[in-house]
Amino acid sequence: MAESLRKEDNLSKSPVILHQNMTDPDYAKILTTYSYSVRESESIIPDTVIFPLSRVAFLIVPLNSCLSGSGQLDIKEDLVQRIDKFIQVHRNRYILCQASTFAEQECQAFSFIQQQYLKNRLQLLPCHNAEEGVKAMITIAKLLCRPTCQEMNSRLQHLLAQQLKKDSATEFLKQMGLSDHHILYIDYDFFLSSHLDEHGKNNFYVDICY
């Protein structure tokens, strides 16, 4: 427990690189309150936030910039070029689509960007303000930072293997003619017996009456 806390503390003090002229300056202020070492650069893509240790980048897109004065969808060419360049530069990438309210026009803008880049493995995340955006970025950065990402992958592989075993056993029991009720009962008995085994206790078996 103490080791995991130390790792999280080290991550919270890690550097975060922001573009020198962010459209929303609150991102830099909020990241500083989370004890991140905020560094500004004019050489990265505008409105970009990079977590070097996690090898992940975020592009902030205010959805109101995708709308005309009358509220109609108006995706400007410079935004398209910025997203295209962002995809080319960063492998692990997310776009934070920010809007104070997600009304019909904002949802249309979000959907348009999503459809344009379906083939690029570009993840889009909605957020209402900089506070929500920062929380989302920190959560993702922590999950992608080693050794946390390795532990998560190991757990996921274990869960997938267990689920495959369970599915195979369930299919076999169905072929034997057992009802869903009996199969559920066996699953519960198997889980309970395994749990008792982990604590060094004796197994017990439950007979099923057909």
C-alpha atoms as a PDB file:
ATOM      1  CA  MET A   1       0.000   0.000   0.000  1.00  0.00           C
ATOM      2  CA  ALA A   2       2.777   2.395   0.936  1.00  0.00           C
ATOM      3  CA  GLU A   3       4.608   1.548  -2.292  1.00  0.00           C
ATOM      4  CA  SER A   4       1.558   2.324  -4.434  1.00  0.00           C
ATOM      5  CA  LEU A   5       1.103   5.631  -2.635  1.00  0.00           C
ATOM      6  CA  ARG A   6       4.720   6.539  -3.323  1.00  0.00           C
ATOM      7  CA  LYS A   7       4.284   5.718  -7.014  1.00  0.00           C
ATOM      8  CA  GLU A   8       1.141   7.861  -7.207  1.00  0.00           C
ATOM      9  CA  ASP A   9       2.919  10.689  -5.396  1.00  0.00           C
ATOM     10  CA  ASN A  10       5.815  10.533  -7.853  1.00  0.00           C
ATOM     11  CA  LEU A  11       3.374  10.691 -10.766  1.00  0.00           C
ATOM     12  CA  SER A  12       1.620  13.717  -9.281  1.00  0.00           C
ATOM     13  CA  LYS A  13       4.967  15.564  -9.288  1.00  0.00           C
ATOM     14  CA  SER A  14       5.776  14.565 -12.872  1.00  0.00           C
ATOM     15  CA  PRO A  15       5.974  17.151 -15.661  1.00  0.00           C
ATOM     16  CA  VAL A  16       3.037  18.072 -17.865  1.00  0.00           C
ATOM     17  CA  ILE A  17       3.669  19.996 -21.070  1.00  0.00           C
ATOM     18  CA  LEU A  18       1.089  22.517 -22.268  1.00  0.00           C
ATOM     19  CA  HIS A  19       1.030  24.806 -25.250  1.00  0.00           C
ATOM     20  CA  GLN A  20       2.170  28.276 -24.343  1.00  0.00           C
ATOM     21  CA  ASN A  21      -1.095  29.917 -25.443  1.00  0.00           C
ATOM     22  CA  MET A  22      -3.939  27.684 -24.297  1.00  0.00           C
ATOM     23  CA  THR A  23      -7.447  28.797 -25.260  1.00  0.00           C
ATOM     24  CA  ASP A  24      -8.551  27.954 -21.714  1.00  0.00           C
ATOM     25  CA  PRO A  25      -5.823  28.998 -19.221  1.00  0.00           C
ATOM     26  CA  ASP A  26      -7.631  27.179 -16.391  1.00  0.00           C
ATOM     27  CA  TYR A  27      -6.033  23.882 -17.440  1.00  0.00           C
ATOM     28  CA  ALA A  28      -2.582  25.045 -16.359  1.00  0.00           C
ATOM     29  CA  LYS A  29      -3.904  26.450 -13.070  1.00  0.00           C
ATOM     30  CA  ILE A  30      -5.844  23.292 -12.177  1.00  0.00           C
ATOM     31  CA  LEU A  31      -2.959  20.959 -13.048  1.00  0.00           C
ATOM     32  CA  THR A  32      -0.764  23.014 -10.745  1.00  0.00           C
ATOM     33  CA  THR A  33      -3.217  22.495  -7.875  1.00  0.00           C
ATOM     34  CA  TYR A  34      -2.792  18.724  -8.413  1.00  0.00           C
ATOM     35  CA  SER A  35       0.965  19.208  -7.805  1.00  0.00           C
ATOM     36  CA  TYR A  36       1.991  18.569 -11.399  1.00  0.00           C
ATOM     37  CA  SER A  37       5.049  20.353 -12.715  1.00  0.00           C
ATOM     38  CA  VAL A  38       3.526  22.414 -15.538  1.00  0.00           C
ATOM     39  CA  ARG A  39       5.829  23.366 -18.377  1.00  0.00           C
ATOM     40  CA  GLU A  40       4.821  25.526 -21.331  1.00  0.00           C
ATOM     41  CA  SER A  41       6.031  25.148 -24.889  1.00  0.00           C
ATOM     42  CA  GLU A  42       5.231  26.927 -28.127  1.00  0.00           C
ATOM     43  CA  SER A  43       6.648  24.122 -30.287  1.00  0.00           C
ATOM     44  CA  ILE A  44       3.781  21.682 -29.649  1.00  0.00           C
ATOM     45  CA  ILE A  45       0.338  21.721 -31.269  1.00  0.00           C
ATOM     46  CA  PRO A  46      -1.919  24.518 -29.916  1.00  0.00           C
ATOM     47  CA  ASP A  47      -4.274  23.511 -27.095  1.00  0.00           C
ATOM     48  CA  THR A  48      -2.325  20.302 -26.478  1.00  0.00           C
ATOM     49  CA  VAL A  49      -1.559  18.780 -23.063  1.00  0.00           C
ATOM     50  CA  ILE A  50       1.136  16.077 -22.904  1.00  0.00           C
ATOM     51  CA  PHE A  51       1.960  13.670 -20.049  1.00  0.00           C
ATOM     52  CA  PRO A  52       5.489  12.466 -20.994  1.00  0.00           C
ATOM     53  CA  LEU A  53       5.766   9.679 -18.398  1.00  0.00           C
ATOM     54  CA  SER A  54       2.463   8.172 -19.537  1.00  0.00           C
ATOM     55  CA  ARG A  55       3.201   8.809 -23.222  1.00  0.00           C
ATOM     56  CA  VAL A  56      -0.266  10.224 -23.780  1.00  0.00           C
ATOM     57  CA  ALA A  57      -1.455  13.495 -25.292  1.00  0.00           C
ATOM     58  CA  PHE A  58      -4.731  15.388 -25.156  1.00  0.00           C
ATOM     59  CA  LEU A  59      -6.083  17.985 -27.546  1.00  0.00           C
ATOM     60  CA  ILE A  60      -8.623  20.430 -26.115  1.00  0.00           C
ATOM     61  CA  VAL A  61     -11.370  21.319 -28.614  1.00  0.00           C
ATOM     62  CA  PRO A  62     -13.961  23.871 -27.459  1.00  0.00           C
ATOM     63  CA  LEU A  63     -17.106  22.835 -29.305  1.00  0.00           C
ATOM     64  CA  ASN A  64     -18.336  26.424 -29.510  1.00  0.00           C
ATOM     65  CA  SER A  65     -15.462  27.036 -31.937  1.00  0.00           C
ATOM     66  CA  CYS A  66     -17.120  24.497 -34.254  1.00  0.00           C
ATOM     67  CA  LEU A  67     -20.334  26.543 -34.422  1.00  0.00           C
ATOM     68  CA  SER A  68     -21.109  29.683 -36.385  1.00  0.00           C
ATOM     69  CA  GLY A  69     -22.665  32.763 -34.851  1.00  0.00           C
ATOM     70  CA  SER A  70     -26.122  31.430 -35.720  1.00  0.00           C
ATOM     71  CA  GLY A  71     -25.392  28.120 -34.002  1.00  0.00           C
ATOM     72  CA  GLN A  72     -24.898  26.155 -37.220  1.00  0.00           C
ATOM     73  CA  LEU A  73     -22.147  23.570 -37.588  1.00  0.00           C
ATOM     74  CA  ASP A  74     -19.022  25.255 -38.954  1.00  0.00           C
ATOM     75  CA  ILE A  75     -15.827  23.185 -38.648  1.00  0.00           C
ATOM     76  CA  LYS A  76     -12.973  25.502 -39.570  1.00  0.00           C
ATOM     77  CA  GLU A  77     -10.082  24.304 -41.702  1.00  0.00           C
ATOM     78  CA  ASP A  78      -7.456  25.201 -39.105  1.00  0.00           C
ATOM     79  CA  LEU A  79      -9.136  22.863 -36.574  1.00  0.00           C
ATOM     80  CA  VAL A  80      -9.141  20.002 -39.089  1.00  0.00           C
ATOM     81  CA  GLN A  81      -5.450  20.594 -39.819  1.00  0.00           C
ATOM     82  CA  ARG A  82      -4.671  20.714 -36.115  1.00  0.00           C
ATOM     83  CA  ILE A  83      -6.449  17.397 -35.468  1.00  0.00           C
ATOM     84  CA  ASP A  84      -4.731  15.786 -38.476  1.00  0.00           C
ATOM     85  CA  LYS A  85      -1.329  16.872 -37.223  1.00  0.00           C
ATOM     86  CA  PHE A  86      -2.192  15.738 -33.683  1.00  0.00           C
ATOM     87  CA  ILE A  87      -2.988  12.245 -35.025  1.00  0.00           C
ATOM     88  CA  GLN A  88       0.282  12.097 -36.953  1.00  0.00           C
ATOM     89  CA  VAL A  89       2.447  13.189 -34.014  1.00  0.00           C
ATOM     90  CA  HIS A  90       0.947  11.262 -31.090  1.00  0.00           C
ATOM     91  CA  ARG A  91       0.291   7.535 -30.824  1.00  0.00           C
ATOM     92  CA  ASN A  92      -1.718   7.560 -27.578  1.00  0.00           C
ATOM     93  CA  ARG A  93      -4.115  10.413 -28.155  1.00  0.00           C
ATOM     94  CA  TYR A  94      -7.408  11.748 -26.875  1.00  0.00           C
ATOM     95  CA  ILE A  95      -9.530  14.734 -27.821  1.00  0.00           C
ATOM     96  CA  LEU A  96     -11.379  16.514 -25.038  1.00  0.00           C
ATOM     97  CA  CYS A  97     -14.478  18.112 -26.546  1.00  0.00           C
ATOM     98  CA  GLN A  98     -15.423  20.865 -24.128  1.00  0.00           C
ATOM     99  CA  ALA A  99     -18.792  22.584 -23.888  1.00  0.00           C
ATOM    100  CA  SER A 100     -20.611  24.111 -20.950  1.00  0.00           C
ATOM    101  CA  THR A 101     -23.820  22.447 -22.149  1.00  0.00           C
ATOM    102  CA  PHE A 102     -24.273  19.627 -24.649  1.00  0.00           C
ATOM    103  CA  ALA A 103     -27.316  20.819 -26.555  1.00  0.00           C
ATOM    104  CA  GLU A 104     -28.251  19.671 -30.056  1.00  0.00           C
ATOM    105  CA  GLN A 105     -25.636  21.828 -31.794  1.00  0.00           C
ATOM    106  CA  GLU A 106     -22.790  20.703 -29.519  1.00  0.00           C
ATOM    107  CA  CYS A 107     -23.793  17.053 -29.936  1.00  0.00           C
ATOM    108  CA  GLN A 108     -23.783  17.516 -33.714  1.00  0.00           C
ATOM    109  CA  ALA A 109     -20.271  18.951 -33.582  1.00  0.00           C
ATOM    110  CA  PHE A 110     -19.109  16.090 -31.349  1.00  0.00           C
ATOM    111  CA  SER A 111     -20.670  13.516 -33.690  1.00  0.00           C
ATOM    112  CA  PHE A 112     -19.160  15.167 -36.770  1.00  0.00           C
ATOM    113  CA  ILE A 113     -15.612  15.016 -35.370  1.00  0.00           C
ATOM    114  CA  GLN A 114     -16.178  11.434 -34.251  1.00  0.00           C
ATOM    115  CA  GLN A 115     -17.367  10.323 -37.694  1.00  0.00           C
ATOM    116  CA  GLN A 116     -14.520  12.092 -39.463  1.00  0.00           C
ATOM    117  CA  TYR A 117     -11.877  10.135 -37.543  1.00  0.00           C
ATOM    118  CA  LEU A 118     -13.463   6.732 -36.996  1.00  0.00           C
ATOM    119  CA  LYS A 119     -10.580   4.972 -38.763  1.00  0.00           C
ATOM    120  CA  ASN A 120      -7.829   6.710 -36.792  1.00  0.00           C
ATOM    121  CA  ARG A 121      -8.359   5.148 -33.354  1.00  0.00           C
ATOM    122  CA  LEU A 122      -8.964   8.639 -32.016  1.00  0.00           C
ATOM    123  CA  GLN A 123     -10.706   8.675 -28.644  1.00  0.00           C
ATOM    124  CA  LEU A 124     -13.150  11.524 -27.980  1.00  0.00           C
ATOM    125  CA  LEU A 125     -14.142  12.511 -24.451  1.00  0.00           C
ATOM    126  CA  PRO A 126     -16.845  15.078 -23.609  1.00  0.00           C
ATOM    127  CA  CYS A 127     -16.291  17.477 -20.726  1.00  0.00           C
ATOM    128  CA  HIS A 128     -18.126  20.544 -19.463  1.00  0.00           C
ATOM    129  CA  ASN A 129     -15.185  22.561 -18.153  1.00  0.00           C
ATOM    130  CA  ALA A 130     -11.472  22.514 -17.421  1.00  0.00           C
ATOM    131  CA  GLU A 131     -11.968  20.839 -14.024  1.00  0.00           C
ATOM    132  CA  GLU A 132     -13.697  17.835 -15.615  1.00  0.00           C
ATOM    133  CA  GLY A 133     -11.120  17.762 -18.387  1.00  0.00           C
ATOM    134  CA  VAL A 134      -8.182  17.718 -15.982  1.00  0.00           C
ATOM    135  CA  LYS A 135      -9.731  14.913 -13.908  1.00  0.00           C
ATOM    136  CA  ALA A 136     -10.230  12.824 -17.045  1.00  0.00           C
ATOM    137  CA  MET A 137      -6.661  13.433 -18.199  1.00  0.00           C
ATOM    138  CA  ILE A 138      -5.160  12.558 -14.819  1.00  0.00           C
ATOM    139  CA  THR A 139      -7.194   9.342 -14.592  1.00  0.00           C
ATOM    140  CA  ILE A 140      -6.043   8.200 -18.036  1.00  0.00           C
ATOM    141  CA  ALA A 141      -2.439   9.266 -17.423  1.00  0.00           C
ATOM    142  CA  LYS A 142      -2.280   7.264 -14.189  1.00  0.00           C
ATOM    143  CA  LEU A 143      -3.705   4.159 -15.871  1.00  0.00           C
ATOM    144  CA  LEU A 144      -1.198   4.382 -18.737  1.00  0.00           C
ATOM    145  CA  CYS A 145       1.831   5.038 -16.548  1.00  0.00           C
ATOM    146  CA  ARG A 146       4.022   2.067 -15.654  1.00  0.00           C
ATOM    147  CA  PRO A 147       3.785  -0.108 -13.627  1.00  0.00           C
ATOM    148  CA  THR A 148       0.030   0.562 -13.305  1.00  0.00           C
ATOM    149  CA  CYS A 149      -0.677  -0.178 -16.982  1.00  0.00           C
ATOM    150  CA  GLN A 150       1.214  -3.486 -16.729  1.00  0.00           C
ATOM    151  CA  GLU A 151      -0.755  -4.500 -13.642  1.00  0.00           C
ATOM    152  CA  MET A 152      -4.041  -3.567 -15.333  1.00  0.00           C
ATOM    153  CA  ASN A 153      -3.161  -5.599 -18.434  1.00  0.00           C
ATOM    154  CA  SER A 154      -2.253  -8.583 -16.272  1.00  0.00           C
ATOM    155  CA  ARG A 155      -5.544  -8.388 -14.393  1.00  0.00           C
ATOM    156  CA  LEU A 156      -7.510  -8.009 -17.617  1.00  0.00           C
ATOM    157  CA  GLN A 157      -5.864 -11.061 -19.143  1.00  0.00           C
ATOM    158  CA  HIS A 158      -6.650 -13.031 -15.978  1.00  0.00           C
ATOM    159  CA  LEU A 159     -10.301 -11.938 -16.029  1.00  0.00           C
ATOM    160  CA  LEU A 160     -10.632 -12.823 -19.714  1.00  0.00           C
ATOM    161  CA  ALA A 161      -9.146 -16.267 -19.103  1.00  0.00           C
ATOM    162  CA  GLN A 162     -11.512 -16.868 -16.186  1.00  0.00           C
ATOM    163  CA  GLN A 163     -14.499 -15.749 -18.260  1.00  0.00           C
ATOM    164  CA  LEU A 164     -13.553 -18.091 -21.105  1.00  0.00           C
ATOM    165  CA  LYS A 165     -13.318 -20.997 -18.659  1.00  0.00           C
ATOM    166  CA  LYS A 166     -16.693 -20.102 -17.178  1.00  0.00           C
ATOM    167  CA  ASP A 167     -18.334 -19.809 -20.612  1.00  0.00           C
ATOM    168  CA  SER A 168     -16.957 -23.189 -21.655  1.00  0.00           C
ATOM    169  CA  ALA A 169     -18.171 -24.829 -18.441  1.00  0.00           C
ATOM    170  CA  THR A 170     -21.619 -23.238 -18.780  1.00  0.00           C
ATOM    171  CA  GLU A 171     -21.971 -24.483 -22.359  1.00  0.00           C
ATOM    172  CA  PHE A 172     -20.941 -27.996 -21.265  1.00  0.00           C
ATOM    173  CA  LEU A 173     -23.508 -28.016 -18.462  1.00  0.00           C
ATOM    174  CA  LYS A 174     -26.230 -26.889 -20.871  1.00  0.00           C
ATOM    175  CA  GLN A 175     -25.360 -29.769 -23.175  1.00  0.00           C
ATOM    176  CA  MET A 176     -25.821 -32.093 -20.203  1.00  0.00           C
ATOM    177  CA  GLY A 177     -29.401 -30.851 -19.970  1.00  0.00           C
ATOM    178  CA  LEU A 178     -29.117 -28.771 -16.782  1.00  0.00           C
ATOM    179  CA  SER A 179     -31.455 -25.827 -16.333  1.00  0.00           C
ATOM    180  CA  ASP A 180     -30.249 -22.236 -15.924  1.00  0.00           C
ATOM    181  CA  HIS A 181     -31.183 -22.447 -12.233  1.00  0.00           C
ATOM    182  CA  HIS A 182     -28.970 -25.490 -11.659  1.00  0.00           C
ATOM    183  CA  ILE A 183     -26.102 -23.956 -13.633  1.00  0.00           C
ATOM    184  CA  LEU A 184     -26.309 -20.778 -11.544  1.00  0.00           C
ATOM    185  CA  TYR A 185     -26.314 -22.898  -8.387  1.00  0.00           C
ATOM    186  CA  ILE A 186     -23.181 -24.771  -9.527  1.00  0.00           C
ATOM    187  CA  ASP A 187     -21.428 -21.513 -10.424  1.00  0.00           C
ATOM    188  CA  TYR A 188     -22.116 -20.133  -6.953  1.00  0.00           C
ATOM    189  CA  ASP A 189     -20.919 -23.357  -5.284  1.00  0.00           C
ATOM    190  CA  PHE A 190     -17.727 -23.318  -7.380  1.00  0.00           C
ATOM    191  CA  PHE A 191     -17.046 -19.679  -6.482  1.00  0.00           C
ATOM    192  CA  LEU A 192     -17.627 -20.273  -2.777  1.00  0.00           C
ATOM    193  CA  SER A 193     -15.468 -23.395  -2.718  1.00  0.00           C
ATOM    194  CA  SER A 194     -12.624 -21.582  -4.499  1.00  0.00           C
ATOM    195  CA  HIS A 195     -12.894 -18.724  -2.037  1.00  0.00           C
ATOM    196  CA  LEU A 196     -12.633 -21.133   0.882  1.00  0.00           C
ATOM    197  CA  ASP A 197      -9.612 -22.812  -0.732  1.00  0.00           C
ATOM    198  CA  GLU A 198      -7.782 -19.501  -0.863  1.00  0.00           C
ATOM    199  CA  HIS A 199      -8.135 -19.214   2.919  1.00  0.00           C
ATOM    200  CA  GLY A 200      -6.954 -22.759   3.600  1.00  0.00           C
ATOM    201  CA  LYS A 201     -10.339 -24.170   4.514  1.00  0.00           C
ATOM    202  CA  ASN A 202     -11.893 -27.472   3.450  1.00  0.00           C
ATOM    203  CA  ASN A 203     -14.060 -27.775   0.405  1.00  0.00           C
ATOM    204  CA  PHE A 204     -17.643 -28.648   0.717  1.00  0.00           C
ATOM    205  CA  TYR A 205     -19.903 -30.021  -1.941  1.00  0.00           C
ATOM    206  CA  VAL A 206     -23.555 -29.529  -2.581  1.00  0.00           C
ATOM    207  CA  ASP A 207     -25.606 -32.289  -4.166  1.00  0.00           C
ATOM    208  CA  ILE A 208     -28.041 -31.202  -6.834  1.00  0.00           C
ATOM    209  CA  CYS A 209     -31.336 -32.994  -7.066  1.00  0.00           C
ATOM    210  CA  TYR A 210     -32.747 -33.313 -10.559  1.00  0.00           C
END
